[in-house]
């Protein structure tokens, strides 16, 4: 594999993961009650606990996307 194909790989990984992050954030923002109702049928969880769990999940996912997709992509752009 050459550096151009690795750069393209990280570019598409970043694009797809940021799109998924935005979609999940929009769903929780616009349809948070609906998501809570679905999950409360599966698990006995309070609304406050659910909010903390969703906020933590989205925050952790954002850190992982930046750390494992965006930063390597930027580093490859600088090197190439």
PDB file of N, CA and C in Angstrom:
ATOM      1  N   UNK A   1       0.842  -1.186   0.000  1.00  0.00           N
ATOM      2  CA  UNK A   1       0.000   0.000   0.000  1.00  0.00           C
ATOM      3  C   UNK A   1       0.885   1.246   0.000  1.00  0.00           C
ATOM      4  N   UNK A   2       0.495   2.173  -0.806  1.00  0.00           N
ATOM      5  CA  UNK A   2       1.231   3.431  -0.822  1.00  0.00           C
ATOM      6  C   UNK A   2       0.524   4.466   0.044  1.00  0.00           C
ATOM      7  N   UNK A   3       1.175   5.588   0.252  1.00  0.00           N
ATOM      8  CA  UNK A   3       0.662   6.613   1.170  1.00  0.00           C
ATOM      9  C   UNK A   3      -0.621   7.258   0.646  1.00  0.00           C
ATOM     10  N   UNK A   4      -0.788   7.296  -0.680  1.00  0.00           N
ATOM     11  CA  UNK A   4      -2.008   7.888  -1.247  1.00  0.00           C
ATOM     12  C   UNK A   4      -3.242   7.040  -0.951  1.00  0.00           C
ATOM     13  N   UNK A   5      -3.109   5.737  -1.031  1.00  0.00           N
ATOM     14  CA  UNK A   5      -4.262   4.882  -0.745  1.00  0.00           C
ATOM     15  C   UNK A   5      -4.584   4.879   0.751  1.00  0.00           C
ATOM     16  N   UNK A   6      -3.572   4.965   1.593  1.00  0.00           N
ATOM     17  CA  UNK A   6      -3.819   5.054   3.040  1.00  0.00           C
ATOM     18  C   UNK A   6      -4.492   6.383   3.373  1.00  0.00           C
ATOM     19  N   UNK A   7      -4.056   7.454   2.718  1.00  0.00           N
ATOM     20  CA  UNK A   7      -4.682   8.763   2.928  1.00  0.00           C
ATOM     21  C   UNK A   7      -6.137   8.743   2.495  1.00  0.00           C
ATOM     22  N   UNK A   8      -6.413   8.119   1.351  1.00  0.00           N
ATOM     23  CA  UNK A   8      -7.800   8.015   0.876  1.00  0.00           C
ATOM     24  C   UNK A   8      -8.638   7.176   1.838  1.00  0.00           C
ATOM     25  N   UNK A   9      -8.051   6.105   2.373  1.00  0.00           N
ATOM     26  CA  UNK A   9      -8.753   5.274   3.343  1.00  0.00           C
ATOM     27  C   UNK A   9      -9.159   6.087   4.569  1.00  0.00           C
ATOM     28  N   UNK A  10      -8.219   6.836   5.143  1.00  0.00           N
ATOM     29  CA  UNK A  10      -8.537   7.632   6.325  1.00  0.00           C
ATOM     30  C   UNK A  10      -9.500   8.770   6.006  1.00  0.00           C
ATOM     31  N   UNK A  11      -9.437   9.306   4.789  1.00  0.00           N
ATOM     32  CA  UNK A  11     -10.386  10.346   4.401  1.00  0.00           C
ATOM     33  C   UNK A  11     -11.811   9.786   4.413  1.00  0.00           C
ATOM     34  N   UNK A  12     -12.011   8.620   3.793  1.00  0.00           N
ATOM     35  CA  UNK A  12     -13.356   8.046   3.746  1.00  0.00           C
ATOM     36  C   UNK A  12     -13.810   7.554   5.110  1.00  0.00           C
ATOM     37  N   UNK A  13     -12.890   7.037   5.914  1.00  0.00           N
ATOM     38  CA  UNK A  13     -13.255   6.655   7.282  1.00  0.00           C
ATOM     39  C   UNK A  13     -13.736   7.873   8.068  1.00  0.00           C
ATOM     40  N   UNK A  14     -13.040   8.982   7.911  1.00  0.00           N
ATOM     41  CA  UNK A  14     -13.418  10.209   8.615  1.00  0.00           C
ATOM     42  C   UNK A  14     -14.775  10.700   8.142  1.00  0.00           C
ATOM     43  N   UNK A  15     -14.989  10.724   6.838  1.00  0.00           N
ATOM     44  CA  UNK A  15     -16.267  11.199   6.291  1.00  0.00           C
ATOM     45  C   UNK A  15     -17.428  10.342   6.785  1.00  0.00           C
ATOM     46  N   UNK A  16     -17.281   9.031   6.703  1.00  0.00           N
ATOM     47  CA  UNK A  16     -18.367   8.138   7.121  1.00  0.00           C
ATOM     48  C   UNK A  16     -18.624   8.206   8.620  1.00  0.00           C
ATOM     49  N   UNK A  17     -17.568   8.260   9.421  1.00  0.00           N
ATOM     50  CA  UNK A  17     -17.757   8.312  10.867  1.00  0.00           C
ATOM     51  C   UNK A  17     -18.321   9.649  11.330  1.00  0.00           C
ATOM     52  N   UNK A  18     -17.919  10.748  10.716  1.00  0.00           N
ATOM     53  CA  UNK A  18     -18.491  12.049  11.074  1.00  0.00           C
ATOM     54  C   UNK A  18     -19.965  12.106  10.655  1.00  0.00           C
ATOM     55  N   UNK A  19     -20.291  11.518   9.511  1.00  0.00           N
ATOM     56  CA  UNK A  19     -21.699  11.466   9.092  1.00  0.00           C
ATOM     57  C   UNK A  19     -22.524  10.654  10.081  1.00  0.00           C
ATOM     58  N   UNK A  20     -22.003   9.528  10.537  1.00  0.00           N
ATOM     59  CA  UNK A  20     -22.710   8.724  11.527  1.00  0.00           C
ATOM     60  C   UNK A  20     -22.834   9.461  12.854  1.00  0.00           C
ATOM     61  N   UNK A  21     -21.798  10.176  13.239  1.00  0.00           N
ATOM     62  CA  UNK A  21     -21.845  10.974  14.462  1.00  0.00           C
ATOM     63  C   UNK A  21     -22.894  12.071  14.364  1.00  0.00           C
ATOM     64  N   UNK A  22     -22.949  12.765  13.243  1.00  0.00           N
ATOM     65  CA  UNK A  22     -23.963  13.808  13.059  1.00  0.00           C
ATOM     66  C   UNK A  22     -25.373  13.228  13.026  1.00  0.00           C
ATOM     67  N   UNK A  23     -25.537  12.091  12.369  1.00  0.00           N
ATOM     68  CA  UNK A  23     -26.853  11.455  12.311  1.00  0.00           C
ATOM     69  C   UNK A  23     -27.327  11.034  13.702  1.00  0.00           C
ATOM     70  N   UNK A  24     -26.451  10.408  14.464  1.00  0.00           N
ATOM     71  CA  UNK A  24     -26.858   9.981  15.805  1.00  0.00           C
ATOM     72  C   UNK A  24     -27.122  11.178  16.708  1.00  0.00           C
ATOM     73  N   UNK A  25     -26.347  12.243  16.549  1.00  0.00           N
ATOM     74  CA  UNK A  25     -26.600  13.452  17.338  1.00  0.00           C
ATOM     75  C   UNK A  25     -27.933  14.090  16.974  1.00  0.00           C
ATOM     76  N   UNK A  26     -28.231  14.147  15.684  1.00  0.00           N
ATOM     77  CA  UNK A  26     -29.511  14.719  15.243  1.00  0.00           C
ATOM     78  C   UNK A  26     -30.694  13.882  15.702  1.00  0.00           C
ATOM     79  N   UNK A  27     -30.551  12.565  15.646  1.00  0.00           N
ATOM     80  CA  UNK A  27     -31.639  11.697  16.103  1.00  0.00           C
ATOM     81  C   UNK A  27     -31.894  11.918  17.590  1.00  0.00           C
ATOM     82  N   UNK A  28     -30.826  11.985  18.381  1.00  0.00           N
ATOM     83  CA  UNK A  28     -31.006  12.197  19.821  1.00  0.00           C
ATOM     84  C   UNK A  28     -31.522  13.601  20.124  1.00  0.00           C
ATOM     85  N   UNK A  29     -31.142  14.565  19.299  1.00  0.00           N
ATOM     86  CA  UNK A  29     -31.605  15.934  19.519  1.00  0.00           C
ATOM     87  C   UNK A  29     -33.068  16.101  19.131  1.00  0.00           C
ATOM     88  N   UNK A  30     -33.444  15.577  17.974  1.00  0.00           N
ATOM     89  CA  UNK A  30     -34.795  15.793  17.456  1.00  0.00           C
ATOM     90  C   UNK A  30     -35.809  14.756  17.926  1.00  0.00           C
ATOM     91  N   UNK A  31     -35.348  13.534  18.177  1.00  0.00           N
ATOM     92  CA  UNK A  31     -36.269  12.468  18.542  1.00  0.00           C
ATOM     93  C   UNK A  31     -35.810  11.771  19.816  1.00  0.00           C
ATOM     94  N   UNK A  32     -35.346  12.547  20.776  1.00  0.00           N
ATOM     95  CA  UNK A  32     -34.834  11.978  22.014  1.00  0.00           C
ATOM     96  C   UNK A  32     -35.873  11.212  22.807  1.00  0.00           C
ATOM     97  N   UNK A  33     -37.105  11.707  22.824  1.00  0.00           N
ATOM     98  CA  UNK A  33     -38.170  11.007  23.550  1.00  0.00           C
ATOM     99  C   UNK A  33     -38.476   9.654  22.916  1.00  0.00           C
ATOM    100  N   UNK A  34     -38.487   9.611  21.591  1.00  0.00           N
ATOM    101  CA  UNK A  34     -38.747   8.370  20.883  1.00  0.00           C
ATOM    102  C   UNK A  34     -37.648   7.341  21.167  1.00  0.00           C
ATOM    103  N   UNK A  35     -36.394   7.789  21.131  1.00  0.00           N
ATOM    104  CA  UNK A  35     -35.268   6.890  21.416  1.00  0.00           C
ATOM    105  C   UNK A  35     -35.347   6.401  22.858  1.00  0.00           C
ATOM    106  N   UNK A  36     -35.703   7.301  23.774  1.00  0.00           N
ATOM    107  CA  UNK A  36     -35.834   6.895  25.176  1.00  0.00           C
ATOM    108  C   UNK A  36     -36.949   5.867  25.355  1.00  0.00           C
ATOM    109  N   UNK A  37     -38.081   6.067  24.700  1.00  0.00           N
ATOM    110  CA  UNK A  37     -39.190   5.111  24.821  1.00  0.00           C
ATOM    111  C   UNK A  37     -38.786   3.723  24.335  1.00  0.00           C
ATOM    112  N   UNK A  38     -38.060   3.656  23.236  1.00  0.00           N
ATOM    113  CA  UNK A  38     -37.607   2.366  22.717  1.00  0.00           C
ATOM    114  C   UNK A  38     -36.669   1.689  23.711  1.00  0.00           C
ATOM    115  N   UNK A  39     -35.702   2.446  24.228  1.00  0.00           N
ATOM    116  CA  UNK A  39     -34.729   1.847  25.130  1.00  0.00           C
ATOM    117  C   UNK A  39     -35.325   1.536  26.503  1.00  0.00           C
ATOM    118  N   UNK A  40     -36.290   2.309  26.925  1.00  0.00           N
ATOM    119  CA  UNK A  40     -36.891   2.028  28.229  1.00  0.00           C
ATOM    120  C   UNK A  40     -37.765   0.769  28.181  1.00  0.00           C
ATOM    121  N   UNK A  41     -38.187   0.352  26.994  1.00  0.00           N
ATOM    122  CA  UNK A  41     -38.895  -0.924  26.877  1.00  0.00           C
ATOM    123  C   UNK A  41     -37.936  -2.092  27.044  1.00  0.00           C
ATOM    124  N   UNK A  42     -36.708  -1.931  26.603  1.00  0.00           N
ATOM    125  CA  UNK A  42     -35.707  -2.989  26.701  1.00  0.00           C
ATOM    126  C   UNK A  42     -35.045  -3.037  28.068  1.00  0.00           C
ATOM    127  N   UNK A  43     -34.764  -1.858  28.629  1.00  0.00           N
ATOM    128  CA  UNK A  43     -34.045  -1.755  29.900  1.00  0.00           C
ATOM    129  C   UNK A  43     -34.837  -0.857  30.837  1.00  0.00           C
ATOM    130  N   UNK A  44     -34.831  -1.170  32.121  1.00  0.00           N
ATOM    131  CA  UNK A  44     -35.462  -0.263  33.083  1.00  0.00           C
ATOM    132  C   UNK A  44     -34.426   0.806  33.445  1.00  0.00           C
ATOM    133  N   UNK A  45     -34.608   1.978  32.848  1.00  0.00           N
ATOM    134  CA  UNK A  45     -33.640   3.059  32.993  1.00  0.00           C
ATOM    135  C   UNK A  45     -34.399   4.372  33.136  1.00  0.00           C
ATOM    136  N   UNK A  46     -33.914   5.223  34.018  1.00  0.00           N
ATOM    137  CA  UNK A  46     -34.569   6.524  34.181  1.00  0.00           C
ATOM    138  C   UNK A  46     -34.141   7.455  33.049  1.00  0.00           C
ATOM    139  N   UNK A  47     -34.900   8.513  32.875  1.00  0.00           N
ATOM    140  CA  UNK A  47     -34.605   9.472  31.806  1.00  0.00           C
ATOM    141  C   UNK A  47     -33.262  10.170  32.055  1.00  0.00           C
ATOM    142  N   UNK A  48     -32.969  10.498  33.307  1.00  0.00           N
ATOM    143  CA  UNK A  48     -31.708  11.167  33.615  1.00  0.00           C
ATOM    144  C   UNK A  48     -30.522  10.254  33.317  1.00  0.00           C
ATOM    145  N   UNK A  49     -30.636   8.990  33.676  1.00  0.00           N
ATOM    146  CA  UNK A  49     -29.568   8.031  33.394  1.00  0.00           C
ATOM    147  C   UNK A  49     -29.408   7.823  31.889  1.00  0.00           C
ATOM    148  N   UNK A  50     -30.515   7.789  31.186  1.00  0.00           N
ATOM    149  CA  UNK A  50     -30.468   7.649  29.734  1.00  0.00           C
ATOM    150  C   UNK A  50     -29.773   8.843  29.098  1.00  0.00           C
ATOM    151  N   UNK A  51     -30.095  10.057  29.554  1.00  0.00           N
ATOM    152  CA  UNK A  51     -29.456  11.251  29.014  1.00  0.00           C
ATOM    153  C   UNK A  51     -27.952  11.228  29.232  1.00  0.00           C
ATOM    154  N   UNK A  52     -27.521  10.818  30.419  1.00  0.00           N
ATOM    155  CA  UNK A  52     -26.086  10.730  30.708  1.00  0.00           C
ATOM    156  C   UNK A  52     -25.428   9.684  29.818  1.00  0.00           C
ATOM    157  N   UNK A  53     -26.092   8.543  29.634  1.00  0.00           N
ATOM    158  CA  UNK A  53     -25.526   7.473  28.812  1.00  0.00           C
ATOM    159  C   UNK A  53     -25.389   7.911  27.351  1.00  0.00           C
ATOM    160  N   UNK A  54     -26.421   8.537  26.815  1.00  0.00           N
ATOM    161  CA  UNK A  54     -26.370   8.984  25.418  1.00  0.00           C
ATOM    162  C   UNK A  54     -25.327  10.079  25.242  1.00  0.00           C
ATOM    163  N   UNK A  55     -25.280  11.042  26.163  1.00  0.00           N
ATOM    164  CA  UNK A  55     -24.306  12.118  26.083  1.00  0.00           C
ATOM    165  C   UNK A  55     -22.886  11.557  26.162  1.00  0.00           C
ATOM    166  N   UNK A  56     -22.678  10.588  27.048  1.00  0.00           N
ATOM    167  CA  UNK A  56     -21.361   9.963  27.184  1.00  0.00           C
ATOM    168  C   UNK A  56     -20.985   9.177  25.934  1.00  0.00           C
ATOM    169  N   UNK A  57     -21.951   8.451  25.375  1.00  0.00           N
ATOM    170  CA  UNK A  57     -21.687   7.685  24.160  1.00  0.00           C
ATOM    171  C   UNK A  57     -21.290   8.595  23.004  1.00  0.00           C
ATOM    172  N   UNK A  58     -22.043   9.657  22.793  1.00  0.00           N
ATOM    173  CA  UNK A  58     -21.740  10.557  21.679  1.00  0.00           C
ATOM    174  C   UNK A  58     -20.398  11.258  21.904  1.00  0.00           C
ATOM    175  N   UNK A  59     -20.117  11.654  23.129  1.00  0.00           N
ATOM    176  CA  UNK A  59     -18.833  12.277  23.428  1.00  0.00           C
ATOM    177  C   UNK A  59     -17.660  11.333  23.226  1.00  0.00           C
ATOM    178  N   UNK A  60     -17.789  10.092  23.681  1.00  0.00           N
ATOM    179  CA  UNK A  60     -16.727   9.105  23.492  1.00  0.00           C
ATOM    180  C   UNK A  60     -16.544   8.785  22.020  1.00  0.00           C
ATOM    181  N   UNK A  61     -17.637   8.656  21.294  1.00  0.00           N
ATOM    182  CA  UNK A  61     -17.544   8.368  19.863  1.00  0.00           C
ATOM    183  C   UNK A  61     -16.843   9.509  19.127  1.00  0.00           C
ATOM    184  N   UNK A  62     -17.136  10.749  19.508  1.00  0.00           N
ATOM    185  CA  UNK A  62     -16.487  11.897  18.890  1.00  0.00           C
ATOM    186  C   UNK A  62     -14.985  11.882  19.152  1.00  0.00           C
ATOM    187  N   UNK A  63     -14.580  11.582  20.377  1.00  0.00           N
ATOM    188  CA  UNK A  63     -13.158  11.508  20.702  1.00  0.00           C
ATOM    189  C   UNK A  63     -12.484  10.400  19.898  1.00  0.00           C
ATOM    190  N   UNK A  64     -13.139   9.243  19.777  1.00  0.00           N
ATOM    191  CA  UNK A  64     -12.567   8.133  19.017  1.00  0.00           C
ATOM    192  C   UNK A  64     -12.461   8.455  17.528  1.00  0.00           C
ATOM    193  N   UNK A  65     -13.470   9.114  16.986  1.00  0.00           N
ATOM    194  CA  UNK A  65     -13.417   9.497  15.566  1.00  0.00           C
ATOM    195  C   UNK A  65     -12.279  10.479  15.333  1.00  0.00           C
ATOM    196  N   UNK A  66     -12.136  11.463  16.194  1.00  0.00           N
ATOM    197  CA  UNK A  66     -11.052  12.429  16.024  1.00  0.00           C
ATOM    198  C   UNK A  66      -9.700  11.768  16.206  1.00  0.00           C
ATOM    199  N   UNK A  67      -9.572  10.916  17.221  1.00  0.00           N
ATOM    200  CA  UNK A  67      -8.286  10.315  17.526  1.00  0.00           C
ATOM    201  C   UNK A  67      -7.834   9.255  16.538  1.00  0.00           C
ATOM    202  N   UNK A  68      -8.767   8.469  16.019  1.00  0.00           N
ATOM    203  CA  UNK A  68      -8.382   7.359  15.154  1.00  0.00           C
ATOM    204  C   UNK A  68      -8.671   7.576  13.676  1.00  0.00           C
ATOM    205  N   UNK A  69      -9.342   8.650  13.314  1.00  0.00           N
ATOM    206  CA  UNK A  69      -9.637   8.913  11.904  1.00  0.00           C
ATOM    207  C   UNK A  69      -9.125  10.272  11.442  1.00  0.00           C
ATOM    208  N   UNK A  70      -9.554  11.322  12.110  1.00  0.00           N
ATOM    209  CA  UNK A  70      -9.233  12.666  11.639  1.00  0.00           C
ATOM    210  C   UNK A  70      -7.757  13.019  11.840  1.00  0.00           C
ATOM    211  N   UNK A  71      -7.223  12.748  12.999  1.00  0.00           N
ATOM    212  CA  UNK A  71      -5.827  13.104  13.266  1.00  0.00           C
ATOM    213  C   UNK A  71      -4.863  12.333  12.366  1.00  0.00           C
ATOM    214  N   UNK A  72      -5.031  10.999  12.178  1.00  0.00           N
ATOM    215  CA  UNK A  72      -4.138  10.316  11.226  1.00  0.00           C
ATOM    216  C   UNK A  72      -4.301  10.847   9.796  1.00  0.00           C
ATOM    217  N   UNK A  73      -5.517  11.201   9.413  1.00  0.00           N
ATOM    218  CA  UNK A  73      -5.738  11.752   8.076  1.00  0.00           C
ATOM    219  C   UNK A  73      -4.989  13.082   7.909  1.00  0.00           C
ATOM    220  N   UNK A  74      -5.080  13.954   8.891  1.00  0.00           N
ATOM    221  CA  UNK A  74      -4.372  15.234   8.820  1.00  0.00           C
ATOM    222  C   UNK A  74      -2.866  15.021   8.810  1.00  0.00           C
ATOM    223  N   UNK A  75      -2.391  14.069   9.612  1.00  0.00           N
ATOM    224  CA  UNK A  75      -0.951  13.777   9.641  1.00  0.00           C
ATOM    225  C   UNK A  75      -0.480  13.257   8.278  1.00  0.00           C
ATOM    226  N   UNK A  76      -1.264  12.420   7.649  1.00  0.00           N
ATOM    227  CA  UNK A  76      -0.890  11.930   6.320  1.00  0.00           C
ATOM    228  C   UNK A  76      -0.921  13.031   5.266  1.00  0.00           C
ATOM    229  N   UNK A  77      -1.840  13.981   5.409  1.00  0.00           N
ATOM    230  CA  UNK A  77      -1.860  15.116   4.489  1.00  0.00           C
ATOM    231  C   UNK A  77      -0.606  15.978   4.656  1.00  0.00           C
ATOM    232  N   UNK A  78      -0.157  16.132   5.879  1.00  0.00           N
ATOM    233  CA  UNK A  78       1.044  16.934   6.130  1.00  0.00           C
ATOM    234  C   UNK A  78       2.282  16.227   5.579  1.00  0.00           C
ATOM    235  N   UNK A  79       2.358  14.920   5.768  1.00  0.00           N
ATOM    236  CA  UNK A  79       3.526  14.160   5.330  1.00  0.00           C
ATOM    237  C   UNK A  79       3.577  14.029   3.817  1.00  0.00           C
ATOM    238  N   UNK A  80       2.406  13.823   3.196  1.00  0.00           N
ATOM    239  CA  UNK A  80       2.394  13.554   1.749  1.00  0.00           C
ATOM    240  C   UNK A  80       2.610  14.764   0.914  1.00  0.00           C
TER     241      UNK A  80
END
